[in-house]
Amino acid sequence: MFAKVISGTPYGVEAKLVEVQCDVGPGLPGFAIVGLAEKEVSEARERVRSALRNAGLPFPGTRITANLAPADLKKEGAGLDLALAVAVLVASGELPGERAQGLAFYGELALDGGLRPVRGTLAVALAAREAGLAGLVVPAEAAPEAALAEGLPAYPAADLSQVVAFLKGELELAPAPRVLPEAPPPEWLDLRLVRGQEHARRALEIAAAGGHNLLMVGPPGGGKSLLARCLPGILPPLSFDEALEVTRIYSVAGLLPPGRGLLRHRPFRAPHHTISYAGMVGGGHGVPTPGEITLAHHGVLFLDELPEFDRKVLEALRQPLEDRRISVVRAGVAVSFPASFTLVGAMNPCPCGHLGDPLKPCRCRPHEIVRYRKRISGPFLDRIDLFVQLPRLTKEELLGDGRGEPSEAVRERVETAREVQRDRFGGPYNN
């Protein structure tokens, strides 16, 4: 017999629907999966066989061939496990094919028949909604994420036995509610912690209001890192569409905790200066996954010790800083990632960090200072809007009782400034 079941696979920050075609017919016993499947998809043969047996369901002792269409699309991840199991049961006559029509199935199978969440659930749910499907069956832990796709029922199941009972009409699975939690209290550092550096605080506010890229130069201990980590706290909260986009990115990247719904805070990414080119722009085997510049979408990308980053990594930021997107091509697979972020860089004025410091004399030779600053190219610096010099704080500034405005007060002014820009340009503000 022949059966067709719909599933999906992550592709960039989106997902592509996959038609799992299964044929159970005469021949030597075997289970073949074709259709440009990566290793983890091919290993689904053993997971499906063990899950069916441990769930008390029969596994056909004949020839099984599963085709993942379209055949020229790379499929990766374990999310196709559930669809493969359902297709095998329908093709062998154990399940009625009518109930499975119009539904999509996405989840990993444990050997005991349990269902485990996988990355990219939200992206698959959005793709299923756009295709006009009637619902999506997912592991119970992934249901809050899948339910974010408004208009598509997300049916949570704990194990394969529940899915089988649901398709036989013996069990009703209530669609997961679409819950939009209130944004939790911000976890970012407050600007009240910053002593002195009034001009730097003002530059931070301007950067937040206009989405400007910022570079801070100063000796160690001047507060560069502290100021950068205060920036998310003065940015306006994410809109629903922005939050949905950020959540989808983190889901595809596998960084969304199981059972977690919508992400409500703007991302703050601070990669180490030893990060690779692929780690920054995106990459990996098979279909490329998002890099740090995409994970910072609608948020902040902080590069501390800027000259220590590899020159190739920094130059890769030039195009996304202008286009707000980046295209990544790997082994014939081309994907486009969103990359609308605010770049904040921090660096020392010289290799030793004490050029112009009144307390510690600089020991660097002139050619060393020139070589240090040449690590950052002119075209890259042209994309920086604000340059701020941070001097060393005096003893009175460090030990004094004076504190600046809290982040909440600054954020209100930033939101007002962005409202003015929205009215001026007659459209949504793009970070």
Protein backbone atom coordinates (compact mmCIF):
# COMPACT_ATOMS: atom_id res chain seq x y z
CA MET A 1 0.00 0.00 0.00
CA PHE A 2 0.96 3.62 -0.47
CA ALA A 3 0.55 6.59 1.90
CA LYS A 4 1.43 10.30 2.00
CA VAL A 5 1.98 12.36 5.16
CA ILE A 6 3.06 16.01 5.46
CA SER A 7 5.97 17.18 7.60
CA GLY A 8 8.62 19.88 7.35
CA THR A 9 12.30 20.67 7.63
CA PRO A 10 14.10 23.88 8.67
CA TYR A 11 15.60 25.84 5.81
CA GLY A 12 17.46 28.96 6.85
CA VAL A 13 15.20 30.78 9.31
CA GLU A 14 12.13 29.40 7.58
CA ALA A 15 10.87 25.88 6.88
CA LYS A 16 9.96 23.88 3.82
CA LEU A 17 7.09 21.40 3.86
CA VAL A 18 8.06 17.83 3.04
CA GLU A 19 5.76 15.16 1.66
CA VAL A 20 6.66 11.82 3.24
CA GLN A 21 5.68 9.16 0.69
CA CYS A 22 5.72 5.60 1.99
CA ASP A 23 5.28 2.37 0.06
CA VAL A 24 4.92 -1.00 1.81
CA GLY A 25 5.10 -3.86 -0.66
CA PRO A 26 6.50 -7.30 -1.35
CA GLY A 27 10.20 -7.95 -1.26
CA LEU A 28 12.99 -8.67 1.16
CA PRO A 29 12.44 -6.99 4.54
CA GLY A 30 14.10 -3.60 4.66
CA PHE A 31 13.52 0.08 5.32
CA ALA A 32 14.97 2.55 2.80
CA ILE A 33 14.73 6.33 3.04
CA VAL A 34 15.46 8.33 -0.11
CA GLY A 35 15.15 11.99 -1.00
CA LEU A 36 18.43 13.75 -0.10
CA ALA A 37 18.23 12.92 3.60
CA GLU A 38 21.06 13.88 5.95
CA LYS A 39 22.49 11.32 8.36
CA GLU A 40 20.15 12.13 11.25
CA VAL A 41 17.15 11.65 8.94
CA SER A 42 18.46 8.32 7.64
CA GLU A 43 18.92 7.14 11.23
CA ALA A 44 15.16 7.55 11.69
CA ARG A 45 14.79 3.98 10.41
CA GLU A 46 15.98 2.57 13.72
CA ARG A 47 14.08 5.09 15.84
CA VAL A 48 10.81 4.37 14.01
CA ARG A 49 11.26 0.59 14.24
CA SER A 50 12.01 0.64 17.98
CA ALA A 51 9.30 3.21 18.76
CA LEU A 52 6.61 1.17 17.01
CA ARG A 53 7.66 -2.04 18.74
CA ASN A 54 7.84 -0.49 22.22
CA ALA A 55 4.49 1.25 21.69
CA GLY A 56 2.87 -2.12 21.00
CA LEU A 57 2.35 -1.38 17.29
CA PRO A 58 3.26 -3.76 14.47
CA PHE A 59 6.18 -3.05 12.20
CA PRO A 60 5.76 -4.42 8.66
CA GLY A 61 8.01 -7.36 7.89
CA THR A 62 8.12 -6.46 4.20
CA ARG A 63 9.90 -3.98 2.00
CA ILE A 64 9.39 -0.33 3.10
CA THR A 65 10.46 2.58 0.91
CA ALA A 66 10.05 6.15 2.11
CA ASN A 67 10.61 9.07 -0.24
CA LEU A 68 10.98 12.61 1.08
CA ALA A 69 9.67 14.97 -1.57
CA PRO A 70 10.83 17.23 -3.09
CA ALA A 71 13.81 14.99 -3.64
CA ASP A 72 16.22 17.83 -4.46
CA LEU A 73 15.71 19.56 -1.09
CA LYS A 74 18.14 18.70 1.69
CA LYS A 75 16.40 17.39 4.80
CA GLU A 76 18.04 17.42 8.21
CA GLY A 77 17.14 16.99 11.84
CA ALA A 78 14.97 14.43 13.61
CA GLY A 79 11.67 16.25 13.08
CA LEU A 80 10.60 13.88 10.31
CA ASP A 81 10.49 10.89 12.69
CA LEU A 82 6.83 11.26 13.62
CA ALA A 83 5.68 11.68 10.03
CA LEU A 84 7.67 8.63 8.96
CA ALA A 85 6.07 6.50 11.69
CA VAL A 86 2.56 7.67 10.76
CA ALA A 87 3.24 7.06 7.07
CA VAL A 88 4.42 3.50 7.77
CA LEU A 89 1.31 2.77 9.84
CA VAL A 90 -1.03 4.21 7.21
CA ALA A 91 0.71 2.37 4.36
CA SER A 92 0.54 -0.92 6.27
CA GLY A 93 -3.18 -0.50 6.94
CA GLU A 94 -2.87 0.03 10.69
CA LEU A 95 -4.19 3.60 10.54
CA PRO A 96 -6.95 5.21 8.45
CA GLY A 97 -5.42 7.56 5.94
CA GLU A 98 -8.37 9.96 5.98
CA ARG A 99 -7.65 11.33 9.46
CA ALA A 100 -4.04 12.05 8.57
CA GLN A 101 -4.98 14.04 5.46
CA GLY A 102 -4.62 17.78 5.92
CA LEU A 103 -2.48 17.41 9.04
CA ALA A 104 1.26 17.89 9.42
CA PHE A 105 3.41 15.90 11.84
CA TYR A 106 6.67 17.17 13.29
CA GLY A 107 8.67 15.70 16.18
CA GLU A 108 11.43 13.31 17.18
CA LEU A 109 10.71 9.77 18.32
CA ALA A 110 12.35 8.27 21.37
CA LEU A 111 13.00 4.53 21.32
CA ASP A 112 10.19 3.96 23.83
CA GLY A 113 7.68 5.75 21.62
CA GLY A 114 7.83 9.09 23.40
CA LEU A 115 7.88 12.37 21.49
CA ARG A 116 10.67 14.88 21.87
CA PRO A 117 10.71 18.52 20.70
CA VAL A 118 13.07 19.55 17.92
CA ARG A 119 14.34 22.85 16.58
CA GLY A 120 12.33 24.72 14.00
CA THR A 121 8.83 23.89 15.27
CA LEU A 122 7.58 27.46 14.91
CA ALA A 123 8.98 27.74 11.39
CA VAL A 124 7.23 24.50 10.38
CA ALA A 125 3.98 25.71 11.97
CA LEU A 126 4.12 28.98 10.01
CA ALA A 127 4.82 27.08 6.78
CA ALA A 128 1.90 24.72 7.46
CA ARG A 129 -0.41 27.67 8.09
CA GLU A 130 0.63 29.34 4.84
CA ALA A 131 -0.05 26.07 3.00
CA GLY A 132 -3.60 25.99 4.40
CA LEU A 133 -3.23 22.77 6.40
CA ALA A 134 -5.82 21.86 9.02
CA GLY A 135 -3.44 21.34 11.94
CA LEU A 136 -0.03 20.29 13.22
CA VAL A 137 0.68 17.38 15.57
CA VAL A 138 3.74 18.06 17.73
CA PRO A 139 5.32 16.86 20.99
CA ALA A 140 3.62 18.31 24.06
CA GLU A 141 6.72 20.32 25.03
CA ALA A 142 6.76 22.03 21.63
CA ALA A 143 3.04 22.91 21.65
CA PRO A 144 3.40 26.44 23.15
CA GLU A 145 5.83 27.29 20.36
CA ALA A 146 3.68 25.79 17.57
CA ALA A 147 0.56 27.52 18.90
CA LEU A 148 2.10 30.93 18.11
CA ALA A 149 1.10 30.37 14.47
CA GLU A 150 -2.35 31.94 14.73
CA GLY A 151 -5.05 30.10 12.80
CA LEU A 152 -3.31 26.71 12.84
CA PRO A 153 -4.41 24.25 15.57
CA ALA A 154 -1.41 22.67 17.30
CA TYR A 155 -2.25 19.24 18.72
CA PRO A 156 0.11 18.22 21.57
CA ALA A 157 0.91 14.54 22.08
CA ALA A 158 3.08 12.91 24.71
CA ASP A 159 3.91 9.76 22.75
CA LEU A 160 3.22 7.81 19.57
CA SER A 161 0.36 5.87 21.18
CA GLN A 162 -1.58 9.11 21.70
CA VAL A 163 -1.05 10.08 18.06
CA VAL A 164 -2.34 6.68 16.91
CA ALA A 165 -5.40 6.92 19.17
CA PHE A 166 -6.07 10.44 17.89
CA LEU A 167 -5.94 9.34 14.25
CA LYS A 168 -8.20 6.37 14.99
CA GLY A 169 -10.75 8.65 16.63
CA GLU A 170 -10.32 7.01 20.02
CA LEU A 171 -8.78 10.08 21.67
CA GLU A 172 -9.40 13.79 21.34
CA LEU A 173 -6.34 16.03 21.47
CA ALA A 174 -7.31 19.55 22.43
CA PRO A 175 -5.39 22.20 20.46
CA ALA A 176 -2.80 24.00 22.55
CA PRO A 177 -3.94 27.49 23.57
CA ARG A 178 -2.17 30.44 22.02
CA VAL A 179 -0.66 32.15 25.04
CA LEU A 180 1.10 35.49 24.73
CA PRO A 181 2.72 36.05 28.12
CA GLU A 182 3.49 39.47 29.41
CA ALA A 183 7.10 40.50 29.05
CA PRO A 184 8.97 39.57 32.25
CA PRO A 185 10.92 42.25 34.10
CA PRO A 186 14.02 43.22 32.11
CA GLU A 187 17.21 41.46 33.08
CA TRP A 188 19.54 44.04 31.58
CA LEU A 189 21.90 46.18 33.60
CA ASP A 190 20.52 49.57 34.57
CA LEU A 191 22.17 52.82 33.51
CA ARG A 192 22.14 53.90 37.15
CA LEU A 193 25.13 51.61 37.63
CA VAL A 194 27.25 53.79 35.33
CA ARG A 195 29.34 56.41 37.16
CA GLY A 196 30.37 59.48 35.23
CA GLN A 197 30.76 59.18 31.44
CA GLU A 198 27.89 61.57 30.78
CA HIS A 199 28.82 62.03 27.12
CA ALA A 200 28.97 58.26 26.65
CA ARG A 201 25.52 57.88 28.23
CA ARG A 202 24.22 60.52 25.84
CA ALA A 203 25.78 58.70 22.87
CA LEU A 204 24.14 55.47 24.02
CA GLU A 205 20.75 57.18 24.10
CA ILE A 206 21.26 58.59 20.60
CA ALA A 207 22.30 55.16 19.34
CA ALA A 208 19.17 53.60 20.84
CA ALA A 209 16.87 56.30 19.45
CA GLY A 210 18.20 56.15 15.90
CA GLY A 211 19.49 52.58 15.64
CA HIS A 212 23.01 53.92 15.14
CA ASN A 213 26.13 51.80 15.29
CA LEU A 214 28.51 52.83 18.07
CA LEU A 215 32.23 52.44 18.77
CA MET A 216 33.65 53.19 22.23
CA VAL A 217 37.39 53.72 22.66
CA GLY A 218 39.03 53.98 26.06
CA PRO A 219 41.41 52.41 28.58
CA PRO A 220 40.50 49.29 30.57
CA GLY A 221 38.08 50.02 33.39
CA GLY A 222 36.44 52.98 31.69
CA GLY A 223 33.02 51.30 31.54
CA LYS A 224 32.82 50.30 27.86
CA SER A 225 31.41 46.82 28.50
CA LEU A 226 29.03 48.06 31.20
CA LEU A 227 27.60 50.71 28.90
CA ALA A 228 27.14 48.21 26.08
CA ARG A 229 25.25 45.82 28.34
CA CYS A 230 22.95 48.65 29.41
CA LEU A 231 21.88 49.36 25.83
CA PRO A 232 19.13 46.67 25.55
CA GLY A 233 17.51 48.11 28.66
CA ILE A 234 16.82 51.45 26.97
CA LEU A 235 15.52 50.00 23.71
CA PRO A 236 11.75 49.85 23.16
CA PRO A 237 10.10 46.45 23.76
CA LEU A 238 9.65 44.13 20.80
CA SER A 239 6.41 44.36 18.86
CA PHE A 240 4.52 41.09 18.34
CA ASP A 241 5.76 40.69 14.76
CA GLU A 242 9.35 41.35 15.85
CA ALA A 243 9.03 38.92 18.76
CA LEU A 244 7.62 36.24 16.45
CA GLU A 245 10.53 36.72 14.05
CA VAL A 246 13.12 36.54 16.84
CA THR A 247 11.43 33.45 18.30
CA ARG A 248 11.48 31.72 14.92
CA ILE A 249 15.20 32.46 14.52
CA TYR A 250 16.04 31.04 17.94
CA SER A 251 13.83 28.02 17.31
CA VAL A 252 15.59 27.20 14.04
CA ALA A 253 18.96 27.70 15.73
CA GLY A 254 17.98 25.28 18.51
CA LEU A 255 18.34 27.95 21.20
CA LEU A 256 14.68 28.12 22.26
CA PRO A 257 14.16 26.18 25.52
CA PRO A 258 11.50 23.41 25.34
CA GLY A 259 8.11 24.59 26.54
CA ARG A 260 9.02 28.22 25.92
CA GLY A 261 6.68 30.37 23.87
CA LEU A 262 7.28 33.86 22.58
CA LEU A 263 10.58 35.62 23.30
CA ARG A 264 9.75 39.11 24.56
CA HIS A 265 13.18 40.72 25.07
CA ARG A 266 15.52 42.10 22.45
CA PRO A 267 18.53 39.84 21.87
CA PHE A 268 21.97 40.81 23.11
CA ARG A 269 24.81 38.83 21.56
CA ALA A 270 28.42 39.22 22.67
CA PRO A 271 30.57 36.62 20.85
CA HIS A 272 34.19 36.07 21.89
CA HIS A 273 36.82 37.53 19.60
CA THR A 274 37.96 34.02 18.60
CA ILE A 275 34.65 33.35 16.80
CA SER A 276 34.96 31.87 13.33
CA TYR A 277 33.62 33.28 10.08
CA ALA A 278 30.84 30.67 9.95
CA GLY A 279 29.94 31.33 13.57
CA MET A 280 29.43 35.00 12.80
CA VAL A 281 27.57 34.91 9.48
CA GLY A 282 26.04 31.41 9.67
CA GLY A 283 26.98 28.04 8.30
CA GLY A 284 27.41 24.43 9.32
CA HIS A 285 26.98 21.17 7.45
CA GLY A 286 23.97 20.77 5.19
CA VAL A 287 21.60 23.74 5.24
CA PRO A 288 23.31 26.75 6.91
CA THR A 289 22.07 27.74 10.35
CA PRO A 290 21.93 31.33 11.68
CA GLY A 291 25.12 32.97 12.94
CA GLU A 292 25.61 35.65 15.56
CA ILE A 293 24.56 38.54 13.32
CA THR A 294 21.19 36.85 12.73
CA LEU A 295 20.79 35.88 16.38
CA ALA A 296 21.18 39.61 17.14
CA HIS A 297 18.30 40.50 14.78
CA HIS A 298 16.17 43.30 16.27
CA GLY A 299 18.72 43.56 19.07
CA VAL A 300 22.36 44.36 19.84
CA LEU A 301 25.58 42.77 18.62
CA PHE A 302 28.42 43.68 20.98
CA LEU A 303 32.00 43.13 19.85
CA ASP A 304 34.38 43.68 22.74
CA GLU A 305 38.11 44.02 21.99
CA LEU A 306 37.17 44.82 18.39
CA PRO A 307 40.69 44.75 16.85
CA GLU A 308 41.24 41.23 18.19
CA PHE A 309 38.55 39.81 15.90
CA ASP A 310 39.72 38.13 12.73
CA ARG A 311 39.88 40.59 9.84
CA LYS A 312 37.76 38.30 7.65
CA VAL A 313 35.05 38.14 10.32
CA LEU A 314 34.84 41.92 10.64
CA GLU A 315 34.78 42.46 6.88
CA ALA A 316 31.86 40.03 6.65
CA LEU A 317 29.79 42.52 8.66
CA ARG A 318 30.04 45.27 6.05
CA GLN A 319 27.24 44.10 3.78
CA PRO A 320 24.72 43.17 6.52
CA LEU A 321 25.26 46.55 8.18
CA GLU A 322 23.97 48.17 5.00
CA ASP A 323 21.47 45.66 3.60
CA ARG A 324 20.12 44.34 6.93
CA ARG A 325 20.23 40.86 5.40
CA ILE A 326 22.92 38.37 4.53
CA SER A 327 22.97 35.58 1.95
CA VAL A 328 24.92 32.44 2.79
CA VAL A 329 25.79 29.85 0.13
CA ARG A 330 27.14 26.48 1.19
CA ALA A 331 27.59 23.46 -1.12
CA GLY A 332 24.90 24.59 -3.52
CA VAL A 333 22.44 25.61 -0.78
CA ALA A 334 21.63 29.34 -0.65
CA VAL A 335 19.69 30.87 2.23
CA SER A 336 19.00 34.46 3.23
CA PHE A 337 19.12 35.50 6.88
CA PRO A 338 17.73 38.71 8.42
CA ALA A 339 20.39 40.85 10.08
CA SER A 340 18.88 44.11 11.34
CA PHE A 341 20.84 44.86 14.49
CA THR A 342 22.66 47.65 16.29
CA LEU A 343 26.42 47.12 16.33
CA VAL A 344 28.33 48.22 19.43
CA GLY A 345 32.10 47.89 19.44
CA ALA A 346 34.66 48.50 22.18
CA MET A 347 38.43 48.78 21.89
CA ASN A 348 41.50 50.11 23.62
CA PRO A 349 43.31 53.13 22.16
CA CYS A 350 46.51 51.09 21.80
CA PRO A 351 47.78 47.54 22.42
CA CYS A 352 48.57 48.20 26.08
CA GLY A 353 45.38 50.21 26.52
CA HIS A 354 46.90 53.25 28.25
CA LEU A 355 47.43 55.75 25.45
CA GLY A 356 46.40 59.12 26.88
CA ASP A 357 45.90 57.66 30.36
CA PRO A 358 47.03 60.21 32.98
CA LEU A 359 47.79 57.49 35.55
CA LYS A 360 49.61 54.85 33.51
CA PRO A 361 51.98 55.83 30.72
CA CYS A 362 51.64 54.10 27.37
CA ARG A 363 54.55 51.76 26.56
CA CYS A 364 53.59 51.10 22.94
CA ARG A 365 55.83 52.16 20.08
CA PRO A 366 54.29 54.34 17.35
CA HIS A 367 54.40 51.61 14.71
CA GLU A 368 52.67 49.19 17.15
CA ILE A 369 49.82 51.65 17.65
CA VAL A 370 49.48 52.13 13.88
CA ARG A 371 49.48 48.37 13.26
CA TYR A 372 46.90 47.86 16.04
CA ARG A 373 44.48 50.39 14.59
CA LYS A 374 44.94 49.12 11.04
CA ARG A 375 43.32 45.85 12.09
CA ILE A 376 40.03 47.65 11.50
CA SER A 377 39.56 48.72 7.89
CA GLY A 378 38.33 52.09 6.72
CA PRO A 379 35.22 50.70 4.95
CA PHE A 380 34.20 48.98 8.21
CA LEU A 381 34.67 52.21 10.19
CA ASP A 382 32.58 54.07 7.59
CA ARG A 383 29.60 52.04 8.76
CA ILE A 384 30.01 53.23 12.35
CA ASP A 385 27.85 56.28 13.09
CA LEU A 386 29.05 57.31 16.55
CA PHE A 387 32.61 57.33 17.96
CA VAL A 388 33.01 57.95 21.69
CA GLN A 389 36.19 58.40 23.71
CA LEU A 390 35.89 57.15 27.29
CA PRO A 391 38.54 58.58 29.62
CA ARG A 392 39.57 56.93 32.84
CA LEU A 393 37.25 57.92 35.69
CA THR A 394 38.60 60.01 38.52
CA LYS A 395 38.61 58.88 42.13
CA GLU A 396 35.81 61.31 42.93
CA GLU A 397 33.62 59.97 40.11
CA LEU A 398 34.13 56.38 41.19
CA LEU A 399 33.53 56.90 44.90
CA GLY A 400 30.95 59.67 44.69
CA ASP A 401 27.26 59.21 45.40
CA GLY A 402 26.08 60.72 42.14
CA ARG A 403 24.17 58.35 39.90
CA GLY A 404 22.70 59.02 36.50
CA GLU A 405 19.19 58.53 35.21
CA PRO A 406 17.73 55.02 35.36
CA SER A 407 17.19 53.07 32.16
CA GLU A 408 13.42 53.45 32.44
CA ALA A 409 13.55 57.23 32.12
CA VAL A 410 15.93 57.07 29.17
CA ARG A 411 13.80 54.40 27.47
CA GLU A 412 10.77 56.69 27.56
CA ARG A 413 12.68 59.36 25.63
CA VAL A 414 13.91 56.75 23.17
CA GLU A 415 10.37 55.54 22.53
CA THR A 416 9.22 59.12 21.98
CA ALA A 417 12.03 59.72 19.49
CA ARG A 418 11.13 56.58 17.56
CA GLU A 419 7.48 57.64 17.44
CA VAL A 420 8.59 60.91 15.86
CA GLN A 421 10.58 58.97 13.26
CA ARG A 422 7.63 56.70 12.49
CA ASP A 423 5.43 59.74 11.91
CA ARG A 424 8.10 61.43 9.82
CA PHE A 425 8.72 58.48 7.48
CA GLY A 426 5.14 57.20 7.47
CA GLY A 427 5.97 53.59 8.23
CA PRO A 428 7.35 51.18 10.82
CA TYR A 429 10.72 51.94 12.32
CA ASN A 430 13.44 49.51 11.20
CA ASN A 431 16.26 48.95 13.63
